[in-house]
Amino acid sequence: MSDKFQPFTVGDWYNRQSQPSSTPTQDDQINFERTYPAFQRYLTTENFSSLFQKCDNTCTELDRLVRTDSNDIA
């Protein structure tokens, strides 16, 4: 190769792209207490059993819908 052109190496394209220089501000951060009040309730009571039960029921229902191919219900 000539001295005029640098050899291409793996990752050069990504390294040469301009990276956005944004730092997270207070507005960008998620405020769980304000945005997700139910989540805050579970954190304060430290009793996740009902939350896990809801997740389990939802996953079971989703699995049933996928297995039966019920597009109209989904």
N, C-alpha and C. Protein backbone atom coordinates (compact mmCIF):
# COMPACT_ATOMS: atom_id res chain seq x y z
N MET A 1 0.84 -1.19 0.00
CA MET A 1 0.00 0.00 0.00
C MET A 1 0.88 1.24 0.00
N SER A 2 0.35 2.25 -0.56
CA SER A 2 1.11 3.50 -0.59
C SER A 2 0.98 4.21 0.75
N ASP A 3 1.87 5.16 0.94
CA ASP A 3 1.84 5.93 2.19
C ASP A 3 0.67 6.89 2.22
N LYS A 4 0.06 7.13 1.06
CA LYS A 4 -1.03 8.09 0.97
C LYS A 4 -2.31 7.57 1.61
N PHE A 5 -2.56 6.27 1.50
CA PHE A 5 -3.79 5.69 2.02
C PHE A 5 -3.49 4.78 3.20
N GLN A 6 -4.26 4.95 4.23
CA GLN A 6 -4.11 4.09 5.40
C GLN A 6 -4.82 2.77 5.15
N PRO A 7 -4.29 1.65 5.61
CA PRO A 7 -5.00 0.38 5.44
C PRO A 7 -6.28 0.38 6.28
N PHE A 8 -7.28 -0.27 5.74
CA PHE A 8 -8.56 -0.37 6.44
C PHE A 8 -8.48 -1.49 7.45
N THR A 9 -8.92 -1.23 8.66
CA THR A 9 -8.93 -2.26 9.70
C THR A 9 -10.36 -2.41 10.22
N VAL A 10 -10.58 -3.50 10.90
CA VAL A 10 -11.90 -3.79 11.44
C VAL A 10 -12.29 -2.71 12.44
N GLY A 11 -13.49 -2.21 12.32
CA GLY A 11 -14.00 -1.22 13.26
C GLY A 11 -13.71 0.22 12.88
N ASP A 12 -12.99 0.44 11.77
CA ASP A 12 -12.68 1.81 11.36
C ASP A 12 -13.92 2.64 11.09
N TRP A 13 -14.91 2.04 10.47
CA TRP A 13 -16.12 2.79 10.14
C TRP A 13 -16.79 3.31 11.40
N TYR A 14 -16.87 2.45 12.42
CA TYR A 14 -17.50 2.88 13.67
C TYR A 14 -16.65 3.92 14.39
N ASN A 15 -15.35 3.76 14.35
CA ASN A 15 -14.47 4.71 15.04
C ASN A 15 -14.49 6.08 14.38
N ARG A 16 -14.71 6.12 13.09
CA ARG A 16 -14.69 7.39 12.37
C ARG A 16 -16.02 8.13 12.42
N GLN A 17 -17.05 7.49 12.89
CA GLN A 17 -18.35 8.15 12.99
C GLN A 17 -18.34 9.11 14.17
N SER A 18 -19.00 10.22 14.00
CA SER A 18 -19.06 11.18 15.10
C SER A 18 -19.99 10.64 16.18
N GLN A 19 -19.52 10.64 17.38
CA GLN A 19 -20.29 10.15 18.50
C GLN A 19 -21.10 11.29 19.10
N PRO A 20 -22.37 11.05 19.39
CA PRO A 20 -23.16 12.12 20.03
C PRO A 20 -22.62 12.39 21.42
N SER A 21 -22.40 13.64 21.68
CA SER A 21 -21.84 14.02 22.98
C SER A 21 -22.95 14.58 23.86
N SER A 22 -23.79 13.68 24.31
CA SER A 22 -24.87 14.12 25.18
C SER A 22 -24.69 13.47 26.55
N THR A 23 -24.81 14.28 27.54
CA THR A 23 -24.75 13.76 28.89
C THR A 23 -26.17 13.72 29.43
N PRO A 24 -26.50 12.68 30.15
CA PRO A 24 -27.88 12.60 30.66
C PRO A 24 -28.17 13.74 31.63
N THR A 25 -29.28 14.36 31.42
CA THR A 25 -29.69 15.43 32.32
C THR A 25 -30.75 14.89 33.27
N GLN A 26 -31.15 15.69 34.18
CA GLN A 26 -32.17 15.28 35.14
C GLN A 26 -33.49 14.98 34.44
N ASP A 27 -33.77 15.71 33.35
CA ASP A 27 -35.02 15.49 32.61
C ASP A 27 -35.01 14.16 31.86
N ASP A 28 -33.80 13.71 31.45
CA ASP A 28 -33.70 12.47 30.69
C ASP A 28 -33.83 11.23 31.57
N GLN A 29 -33.50 11.35 32.84
CA GLN A 29 -33.53 10.20 33.72
C GLN A 29 -34.97 9.87 34.09
N ILE A 30 -35.23 8.58 34.18
CA ILE A 30 -36.58 8.13 34.52
C ILE A 30 -36.78 8.25 36.02
N ASN A 31 -37.84 8.87 36.39
CA ASN A 31 -38.20 9.00 37.79
C ASN A 31 -39.22 7.91 38.09
N PHE A 32 -38.75 6.81 38.67
CA PHE A 32 -39.62 5.66 38.88
C PHE A 32 -40.79 5.97 39.82
N GLU A 33 -40.56 6.81 40.80
CA GLU A 33 -41.62 7.12 41.75
C GLU A 33 -42.76 7.87 41.07
N ARG A 34 -42.42 8.76 40.16
CA ARG A 34 -43.44 9.55 39.49
C ARG A 34 -44.04 8.81 38.29
N THR A 35 -43.18 8.14 37.53
CA THR A 35 -43.63 7.50 36.30
C THR A 35 -44.31 6.17 36.55
N TYR A 36 -43.81 5.43 37.51
CA TYR A 36 -44.33 4.09 37.79
C TYR A 36 -44.71 3.98 39.27
N PRO A 37 -45.84 4.54 39.68
CA PRO A 37 -46.19 4.50 41.11
C PRO A 37 -46.38 3.08 41.62
N ALA A 38 -46.85 2.16 40.78
CA ALA A 38 -47.02 0.78 41.24
C ALA A 38 -45.67 0.16 41.54
N PHE A 39 -44.66 0.47 40.74
CA PHE A 39 -43.32 -0.04 40.98
C PHE A 39 -42.79 0.47 42.32
N GLN A 40 -43.02 1.72 42.61
CA GLN A 40 -42.60 2.29 43.89
C GLN A 40 -43.28 1.59 45.04
N ARG A 41 -44.55 1.24 44.88
CA ARG A 41 -45.27 0.54 45.94
C ARG A 41 -44.63 -0.81 46.22
N TYR A 42 -44.24 -1.54 45.16
CA TYR A 42 -43.60 -2.83 45.36
C TYR A 42 -42.23 -2.67 46.01
N LEU A 43 -41.52 -1.61 45.67
CA LEU A 43 -40.22 -1.39 46.28
C LEU A 43 -40.32 -1.08 47.76
N THR A 44 -41.32 -0.31 48.14
CA THR A 44 -41.44 0.06 49.55
C THR A 44 -41.96 -1.08 50.40
N THR A 45 -42.84 -1.91 49.86
CA THR A 45 -43.36 -3.02 50.66
C THR A 45 -42.44 -4.22 50.63
N GLU A 46 -41.54 -4.29 49.63
CA GLU A 46 -40.61 -5.40 49.46
C GLU A 46 -41.32 -6.74 49.38
N ASN A 47 -42.56 -6.72 48.88
CA ASN A 47 -43.31 -7.95 48.69
C ASN A 47 -43.61 -8.06 47.20
N PHE A 48 -42.81 -8.86 46.51
CA PHE A 48 -42.92 -8.96 45.06
C PHE A 48 -43.76 -10.14 44.61
N SER A 49 -44.34 -10.89 45.54
CA SER A 49 -45.06 -12.11 45.16
C SER A 49 -46.24 -11.81 44.24
N SER A 50 -47.01 -10.77 44.53
CA SER A 50 -48.15 -10.46 43.67
C SER A 50 -47.68 -9.97 42.30
N LEU A 51 -46.58 -9.24 42.26
CA LEU A 51 -46.03 -8.79 40.98
C LEU A 51 -45.56 -9.97 40.15
N PHE A 52 -44.86 -10.92 40.79
CA PHE A 52 -44.40 -12.11 40.08
C PHE A 52 -45.58 -12.95 39.60
N GLN A 53 -46.62 -13.00 40.40
CA GLN A 53 -47.81 -13.76 40.01
C GLN A 53 -48.47 -13.13 38.78
N LYS A 54 -48.55 -11.79 38.76
CA LYS A 54 -49.11 -11.10 37.60
C LYS A 54 -48.26 -11.34 36.35
N CYS A 55 -46.95 -11.31 36.51
CA CYS A 55 -46.05 -11.56 35.38
C CYS A 55 -46.21 -12.99 34.88
N ASP A 56 -46.31 -13.93 35.81
CA ASP A 56 -46.47 -15.33 35.44
C ASP A 56 -47.78 -15.54 34.69
N ASN A 57 -48.85 -14.94 35.18
CA ASN A 57 -50.15 -15.07 34.51
C ASN A 57 -50.12 -14.45 33.11
N THR A 58 -49.47 -13.31 32.99
CA THR A 58 -49.37 -12.65 31.69
C THR A 58 -48.56 -13.49 30.72
N CYS A 59 -47.45 -14.05 31.18
CA CYS A 59 -46.62 -14.90 30.31
C CYS A 59 -47.37 -16.16 29.90
N THR A 60 -48.13 -16.73 30.82
CA THR A 60 -48.91 -17.92 30.50
C THR A 60 -49.97 -17.60 29.46
N GLU A 61 -50.63 -16.47 29.62
CA GLU A 61 -51.65 -16.06 28.65
C GLU A 61 -51.03 -15.77 27.28
N LEU A 62 -49.88 -15.11 27.27
CA LEU A 62 -49.20 -14.82 26.01
C LEU A 62 -48.78 -16.12 25.33
N ASP A 63 -48.27 -17.06 26.10
CA ASP A 63 -47.88 -18.35 25.55
C ASP A 63 -49.08 -19.07 24.94
N ARG A 64 -50.21 -19.01 25.62
CA ARG A 64 -51.42 -19.65 25.10
C ARG A 64 -51.85 -19.00 23.78
N LEU A 65 -51.78 -17.68 23.72
CA LEU A 65 -52.16 -16.98 22.49
C LEU A 65 -51.23 -17.34 21.33
N VAL A 66 -49.94 -17.41 21.62
CA VAL A 66 -48.98 -17.73 20.57
C VAL A 66 -49.17 -19.16 20.09
N ARG A 67 -49.37 -20.07 21.02
CA ARG A 67 -49.52 -21.47 20.64
C ARG A 67 -50.81 -21.73 19.87
N THR A 68 -51.88 -21.01 20.19
CA THR A 68 -53.14 -21.23 19.49
C THR A 68 -53.26 -20.35 18.25
N ASP A 69 -52.29 -19.45 18.05
CA ASP A 69 -52.27 -18.58 16.88
C ASP A 69 -53.54 -17.75 16.80
N SER A 70 -53.92 -17.17 17.94
CA SER A 70 -55.13 -16.35 18.01
C SER A 70 -54.77 -14.90 17.69
N ASN A 71 -54.68 -14.58 16.43
CA ASN A 71 -54.34 -13.22 16.03
C ASN A 71 -55.44 -12.24 16.38
N ASP A 72 -56.69 -12.68 16.31
CA ASP A 72 -57.79 -11.77 16.60
C ASP A 72 -57.81 -11.38 18.07
N ILE A 73 -57.42 -12.28 18.97
CA ILE A 73 -57.38 -11.97 20.40
C ILE A 73 -56.16 -11.12 20.73
N ALA A 74 -55.03 -11.47 20.13
CA ALA A 74 -53.78 -10.75 20.41
C ALA A 74 -53.89 -9.33 19.90
